[in-house]
Amino acid sequence: MPSAGFGALQVTWAYESQMDMIADRLGIDRLEMRLKNLLKKGDLYTAGDTPVDCDLQEGLLKVADAIQWKNKITEPNRAKGLSCCMKDAGGTYKVAGATVKMSSDGSVVLLTGTVEIGQGPRTALSQVVAEELSMRLDQITVAQLDTDVTPYDISTSASSSMVVMGTAVQRAAQDAKSNYCSAPPKC
């Protein structure tokens, strides 16, 4: 399976395990269960996004053939399985917002909806602000997340924290700088 955002693999394991249980209860082969429920090439996956651009059935059948799905394993402590998933990378819906507030004491507060789950976005996004505003990193504070005041972020996953939110933060810092520099005293 391709790399996915935080938690995607765990959720995939859960719903694929459920697919196996459903197939077993219905007396349907696990491969057949998946083949009956796959989206077809050209089907819409997420409203407003691009349609499925591959033949999932063909891919799943190739995997089944490669592991000789129809041949039962007779060796003890051996098993085989298959699964299928699609990861919604957000496609056209990569949306994020950020706010940069400049204080009279020269410090800056960054408001962002990206969640800190150990991957370091608070530091990385602060570095973007510091770079744009030619400030030291210790002059930047990242506000605690609060959905009442922090701007929207579609997802904290994969590299979107820096690609999508990083761009929003950069633009917010540029906007703050242009607003500050257009007011007296000029930069």
C-alpha atoms as a PDB file:
ATOM      1  CA  MET A   1       0.000   0.000   0.000  1.00  0.00           C
ATOM      2  CA  PRO A   2       1.333   3.509  -0.734  1.00  0.00           C
ATOM      3  CA  SER A   3       2.328   5.770   2.107  1.00  0.00           C
ATOM      4  CA  ALA A   4      -0.614   7.355   3.820  1.00  0.00           C
ATOM      5  CA  GLY A   5      -1.404   9.958   6.394  1.00  0.00           C
ATOM      6  CA  PHE A   6      -1.331   9.279  10.102  1.00  0.00           C
ATOM      7  CA  GLY A   7      -3.905   6.656  11.085  1.00  0.00           C
ATOM      8  CA  ALA A   8      -4.851   5.597   7.543  1.00  0.00           C
ATOM      9  CA  LEU A   9      -3.159   2.218   7.788  1.00  0.00           C
ATOM     10  CA  GLN A  10      -4.865   1.402  11.069  1.00  0.00           C
ATOM     11  CA  VAL A  11      -8.289   2.307   9.699  1.00  0.00           C
ATOM     12  CA  THR A  12      -7.625   0.298   6.522  1.00  0.00           C
ATOM     13  CA  TRP A  13      -6.720  -2.756   8.607  1.00  0.00           C
ATOM     14  CA  ALA A  14      -9.986  -2.363  10.559  1.00  0.00           C
ATOM     15  CA  TYR A  15     -12.334  -2.053   7.580  1.00  0.00           C
ATOM     16  CA  GLU A  16     -10.533  -4.722   5.567  1.00  0.00           C
ATOM     17  CA  SER A  17     -10.816  -7.089   8.546  1.00  0.00           C
ATOM     18  CA  GLN A  18     -14.521  -6.269   8.649  1.00  0.00           C
ATOM     19  CA  MET A  19     -14.797  -7.035   4.921  1.00  0.00           C
ATOM     20  CA  ASP A  20     -13.324 -10.476   5.621  1.00  0.00           C
ATOM     21  CA  MET A  21     -15.816 -11.095   8.439  1.00  0.00           C
ATOM     22  CA  ILE A  22     -18.755  -9.996   6.275  1.00  0.00           C
ATOM     23  CA  ALA A  23     -17.629 -12.218   3.388  1.00  0.00           C
ATOM     24  CA  ASP A  24     -17.236 -15.179   5.753  1.00  0.00           C
ATOM     25  CA  ARG A  25     -20.712 -14.676   7.242  1.00  0.00           C
ATOM     26  CA  LEU A  26     -22.263 -14.384   3.777  1.00  0.00           C
ATOM     27  CA  GLY A  27     -20.346 -17.416   2.546  1.00  0.00           C
ATOM     28  CA  ILE A  28     -18.695 -15.356  -0.202  1.00  0.00           C
ATOM     29  CA  ASP A  29     -15.054 -15.646  -1.197  1.00  0.00           C
ATOM     30  CA  ARG A  30     -13.134 -12.683   0.256  1.00  0.00           C
ATOM     31  CA  LEU A  31     -11.766 -11.743  -3.172  1.00  0.00           C
ATOM     32  CA  GLU A  32     -15.244 -11.896  -4.730  1.00  0.00           C
ATOM     33  CA  MET A  33     -16.609  -9.697  -1.926  1.00  0.00           C
ATOM     34  CA  ARG A  34     -14.077  -7.011  -2.770  1.00  0.00           C
ATOM     35  CA  LEU A  35     -14.534  -7.324  -6.535  1.00  0.00           C
ATOM     36  CA  LYS A  36     -18.314  -6.820  -6.153  1.00  0.00           C
ATOM     37  CA  ASN A  37     -17.783  -3.604  -4.201  1.00  0.00           C
ATOM     38  CA  LEU A  38     -14.920  -1.893  -6.039  1.00  0.00           C
ATOM     39  CA  LEU A  39     -15.311   1.452  -7.728  1.00  0.00           C
ATOM     40  CA  LYS A  40     -14.828   1.238 -11.467  1.00  0.00           C
ATOM     41  CA  LYS A  41     -12.396   3.296 -13.523  1.00  0.00           C
ATOM     42  CA  GLY A  42     -14.066   6.664 -14.110  1.00  0.00           C
ATOM     43  CA  ASP A  43     -16.353   6.435 -11.047  1.00  0.00           C
ATOM     44  CA  LEU A  44     -16.415   9.499  -8.824  1.00  0.00           C
ATOM     45  CA  TYR A  45     -14.600   8.893  -5.544  1.00  0.00           C
ATOM     46  CA  THR A  46     -15.000  12.265  -3.852  1.00  0.00           C
ATOM     47  CA  ALA A  47     -17.471  14.866  -5.064  1.00  0.00           C
ATOM     48  CA  GLY A  48     -15.687  17.548  -7.048  1.00  0.00           C
ATOM     49  CA  ASP A  49     -12.463  15.572  -7.271  1.00  0.00           C
ATOM     50  CA  THR A  50     -11.041  13.627 -10.186  1.00  0.00           C
ATOM     51  CA  PRO A  51     -12.614  10.231 -10.896  1.00  0.00           C
ATOM     52  CA  VAL A  52     -10.869   6.929 -10.232  1.00  0.00           C
ATOM     53  CA  ASP A  53      -8.140   6.764 -12.865  1.00  0.00           C
ATOM     54  CA  CYS A  54      -7.068   3.128 -12.564  1.00  0.00           C
ATOM     55  CA  ASP A  55      -8.606  -0.295 -12.911  1.00  0.00           C
ATOM     56  CA  LEU A  56      -8.806  -1.479  -9.306  1.00  0.00           C
ATOM     57  CA  GLN A  57     -10.366  -4.785 -10.344  1.00  0.00           C
ATOM     58  CA  GLU A  58      -7.478  -5.559 -12.668  1.00  0.00           C
ATOM     59  CA  GLY A  59      -4.965  -4.702  -9.959  1.00  0.00           C
ATOM     60  CA  LEU A  60      -6.703  -6.817  -7.327  1.00  0.00           C
ATOM     61  CA  LEU A  61      -6.952  -9.751  -9.744  1.00  0.00           C
ATOM     62  CA  LYS A  62      -3.220  -9.474 -10.499  1.00  0.00           C
ATOM     63  CA  VAL A  63      -2.468  -9.633  -6.777  1.00  0.00           C
ATOM     64  CA  ALA A  64      -4.780 -12.642  -6.362  1.00  0.00           C
ATOM     65  CA  ASP A  65      -3.044 -14.380  -9.246  1.00  0.00           C
ATOM     66  CA  ALA A  66       0.426 -13.587  -7.880  1.00  0.00           C
ATOM     67  CA  ILE A  67      -0.389 -15.125  -4.489  1.00  0.00           C
ATOM     68  CA  GLN A  68      -2.353 -17.976  -6.081  1.00  0.00           C
ATOM     69  CA  TRP A  69      -5.469 -16.999  -4.168  1.00  0.00           C
ATOM     70  CA  LYS A  70      -7.543 -19.985  -5.306  1.00  0.00           C
ATOM     71  CA  ASN A  71      -4.923 -22.493  -4.133  1.00  0.00           C
ATOM     72  CA  LYS A  72      -5.489 -23.291  -0.475  1.00  0.00           C
ATOM     73  CA  ILE A  73      -2.512 -23.396   1.878  1.00  0.00           C
ATOM     74  CA  THR A  74      -1.959 -26.756   3.548  1.00  0.00           C
ATOM     75  CA  GLU A  75       1.126 -25.892   5.613  1.00  0.00           C
ATOM     76  CA  PRO A  76       0.551 -25.242   9.317  1.00  0.00           C
ATOM     77  CA  ASN A  77       0.921 -21.690  10.639  1.00  0.00           C
ATOM     78  CA  ARG A  78       0.690 -20.220   7.126  1.00  0.00           C
ATOM     79  CA  ALA A  79      -2.014 -17.997   5.652  1.00  0.00           C
ATOM     80  CA  LYS A  80      -2.570 -15.521   2.871  1.00  0.00           C
ATOM     81  CA  GLY A  81      -4.764 -12.527   2.509  1.00  0.00           C
ATOM     82  CA  LEU A  82      -5.436  -9.534   0.343  1.00  0.00           C
ATOM     83  CA  SER A  83      -6.884  -6.121   0.789  1.00  0.00           C
ATOM     84  CA  CYS A  84      -7.640  -3.037  -1.221  1.00  0.00           C
ATOM     85  CA  CYS A  85      -7.871   0.600  -0.269  1.00  0.00           C
ATOM     86  CA  MET A  86      -7.935   4.053  -1.768  1.00  0.00           C
ATOM     87  CA  LYS A  87      -6.473   7.007   0.007  1.00  0.00           C
ATOM     88  CA  ASP A  88      -8.195  10.314  -0.430  1.00  0.00           C
ATOM     89  CA  ALA A  89      -5.298  12.694  -0.793  1.00  0.00           C
ATOM     90  CA  GLY A  90      -7.704  15.596  -0.790  1.00  0.00           C
ATOM     91  CA  GLY A  91      -7.305  16.250  -4.512  1.00  0.00           C
ATOM     92  CA  THR A  92      -8.853  19.600  -5.254  1.00  0.00           C
ATOM     93  CA  TYR A  93      -9.858  20.163  -1.646  1.00  0.00           C
ATOM     94  CA  LYS A  94      -6.483  20.994  -0.151  1.00  0.00           C
ATOM     95  CA  VAL A  95      -7.533  24.013   1.842  1.00  0.00           C
ATOM     96  CA  ALA A  96      -5.820  25.627   4.792  1.00  0.00           C
ATOM     97  CA  GLY A  97      -5.802  29.025   6.449  1.00  0.00           C
ATOM     98  CA  ALA A  98      -3.366  30.771   8.754  1.00  0.00           C
ATOM     99  CA  THR A  99      -3.257  34.055  10.641  1.00  0.00           C
ATOM    100  CA  VAL A 100      -0.131  35.964  11.599  1.00  0.00           C
ATOM    101  CA  LYS A 101      -0.612  38.611  14.280  1.00  0.00           C
ATOM    102  CA  MET A 102       2.138  41.154  14.812  1.00  0.00           C
ATOM    103  CA  SER A 103       2.356  42.705  18.281  1.00  0.00           C
ATOM    104  CA  SER A 104       3.644  46.130  19.245  1.00  0.00           C
ATOM    105  CA  ASP A 105       6.489  44.521  21.228  1.00  0.00           C
ATOM    106  CA  GLY A 106       7.861  42.997  18.008  1.00  0.00           C
ATOM    107  CA  SER A 107       6.660  39.481  18.653  1.00  0.00           C
ATOM    108  CA  VAL A 108       4.390  37.483  16.388  1.00  0.00           C
ATOM    109  CA  VAL A 109       1.616  34.985  17.102  1.00  0.00           C
ATOM    110  CA  LEU A 110       0.842  32.340  14.489  1.00  0.00           C
ATOM    111  CA  LEU A 111      -2.612  30.790  14.419  1.00  0.00           C
ATOM    112  CA  THR A 112      -2.845  27.581  12.436  1.00  0.00           C
ATOM    113  CA  GLY A 113      -5.090  24.530  12.458  1.00  0.00           C
ATOM    114  CA  THR A 114      -2.283  22.037  11.883  1.00  0.00           C
ATOM    115  CA  VAL A 115      -2.070  19.584  14.760  1.00  0.00           C
ATOM    116  CA  GLU A 116       1.220  18.754  16.466  1.00  0.00           C
ATOM    117  CA  ILE A 117       1.379  14.954  16.639  1.00  0.00           C
ATOM    118  CA  GLY A 118       5.140  14.619  16.845  1.00  0.00           C
ATOM    119  CA  GLN A 119       6.118  15.600  13.304  1.00  0.00           C
ATOM    120  CA  GLY A 120       7.246  19.141  14.204  1.00  0.00           C
ATOM    121  CA  PRO A 121       4.891  21.544  12.384  1.00  0.00           C
ATOM    122  CA  ARG A 122       4.925  24.143  15.179  1.00  0.00           C
ATOM    123  CA  THR A 123       8.667  24.599  14.695  1.00  0.00           C
ATOM    124  CA  ALA A 124       8.621  24.283  10.905  1.00  0.00           C
ATOM    125  CA  LEU A 125       5.736  26.736  10.444  1.00  0.00           C
ATOM    126  CA  SER A 126       7.367  29.162  12.898  1.00  0.00           C
ATOM    127  CA  GLN A 127      10.493  28.990  10.745  1.00  0.00           C
ATOM    128  CA  VAL A 128       8.436  29.995   7.699  1.00  0.00           C
ATOM    129  CA  VAL A 129       7.140  33.061   9.565  1.00  0.00           C
ATOM    130  CA  ALA A 130      10.594  33.939  10.907  1.00  0.00           C
ATOM    131  CA  GLU A 131      12.079  33.687   7.409  1.00  0.00           C
ATOM    132  CA  GLU A 132       9.366  35.809   5.790  1.00  0.00           C
ATOM    133  CA  LEU A 133       9.514  38.490   8.477  1.00  0.00           C
ATOM    134  CA  SER A 134      13.307  38.390   8.988  1.00  0.00           C
ATOM    135  CA  MET A 135      12.814  37.615  12.675  1.00  0.00           C
ATOM    136  CA  ARG A 136      14.403  35.295  15.203  1.00  0.00           C
ATOM    137  CA  LEU A 137      12.557  32.053  15.866  1.00  0.00           C
ATOM    138  CA  ASP A 138      12.161  32.898  19.572  1.00  0.00           C
ATOM    139  CA  GLN A 139      10.029  35.911  18.585  1.00  0.00           C
ATOM    140  CA  ILE A 140       7.366  33.634  17.064  1.00  0.00           C
ATOM    141  CA  THR A 141       4.704  31.958  19.204  1.00  0.00           C
ATOM    142  CA  VAL A 142       2.266  29.374  17.870  1.00  0.00           C
ATOM    143  CA  ALA A 143      -1.143  29.700  19.506  1.00  0.00           C
ATOM    144  CA  GLN A 144      -2.770  26.629  21.022  1.00  0.00           C
ATOM    145  CA  LEU A 145      -5.392  25.021  18.805  1.00  0.00           C
ATOM    146  CA  ASP A 146      -8.932  26.210  19.437  1.00  0.00           C
ATOM    147  CA  THR A 147     -11.543  25.653  16.738  1.00  0.00           C
ATOM    148  CA  ASP A 148     -13.246  28.904  17.767  1.00  0.00           C
ATOM    149  CA  VAL A 149     -10.248  30.986  16.725  1.00  0.00           C
ATOM    150  CA  THR A 150      -7.714  28.982  14.736  1.00  0.00           C
ATOM    151  CA  PRO A 151      -8.107  28.941  10.959  1.00  0.00           C
ATOM    152  CA  TYR A 152      -9.168  25.844   9.058  1.00  0.00           C
ATOM    153  CA  ASP A 153      -6.802  23.048   8.055  1.00  0.00           C
ATOM    154  CA  ILE A 154      -8.154  20.141   6.008  1.00  0.00           C
ATOM    155  CA  SER A 155      -5.696  17.588   7.319  1.00  0.00           C
ATOM    156  CA  THR A 156      -2.581  16.963   9.327  1.00  0.00           C
ATOM    157  CA  SER A 157      -1.174  14.142   7.252  1.00  0.00           C
ATOM    158  CA  ALA A 158       1.717  13.193   5.043  1.00  0.00           C
ATOM    159  CA  SER A 159       3.534  16.355   3.945  1.00  0.00           C
ATOM    160  CA  SER A 160       0.453  18.573   3.724  1.00  0.00           C
ATOM    161  CA  SER A 161       1.382  20.296   6.967  1.00  0.00           C
ATOM    162  CA  MET A 162       4.243  21.966   5.128  1.00  0.00           C
ATOM    163  CA  VAL A 163       3.042  21.977   1.540  1.00  0.00           C
ATOM    164  CA  VAL A 164      -0.492  23.222   2.115  1.00  0.00           C
ATOM    165  CA  MET A 165      -0.375  24.845   5.550  1.00  0.00           C
ATOM    166  CA  GLY A 166       3.177  26.061   4.976  1.00  0.00           C
ATOM    167  CA  THR A 167       1.981  27.982   1.921  1.00  0.00           C
ATOM    168  CA  ALA A 168      -0.929  29.459   3.895  1.00  0.00           C
ATOM    169  CA  VAL A 169       1.452  30.507   6.679  1.00  0.00           C
ATOM    170  CA  GLN A 170       3.893  32.025   4.185  1.00  0.00           C
ATOM    171  CA  ARG A 171       1.116  34.050   2.547  1.00  0.00           C
ATOM    172  CA  ALA A 172      -0.235  35.177   5.933  1.00  0.00           C
ATOM    173  CA  ALA A 173       3.255  36.334   6.941  1.00  0.00           C
ATOM    174  CA  GLN A 174       3.710  38.152   3.626  1.00  0.00           C
ATOM    175  CA  ASP A 175       0.303  39.796   4.088  1.00  0.00           C
ATOM    176  CA  ALA A 176       1.153  40.859   7.657  1.00  0.00           C
ATOM    177  CA  LYS A 177       4.474  42.291   6.462  1.00  0.00           C
ATOM    178  CA  SER A 178       2.869  44.249   3.613  1.00  0.00           C
ATOM    179  CA  ASN A 179       0.175  45.629   5.942  1.00  0.00           C
ATOM    180  CA  TYR A 180       2.754  46.606   8.567  1.00  0.00           C
ATOM    181  CA  CYS A 181       5.109  48.143   6.027  1.00  0.00           C
ATOM    182  CA  SER A 182       2.348  50.167   4.349  1.00  0.00           C
ATOM    183  CA  ALA A 183       1.458  51.873   7.646  1.00  0.00           C
ATOM    184  CA  PRO A 184       3.654  54.546   9.255  1.00  0.00           C
ATOM    185  CA  PRO A 185       6.486  54.181   9.986  1.00  0.00           C
ATOM    186  CA  LYS A 186       7.375  52.548   6.685  1.00  0.00           C
ATOM    187  CA  CYS A 187       9.767  49.572   6.575  1.00  0.00           C
END
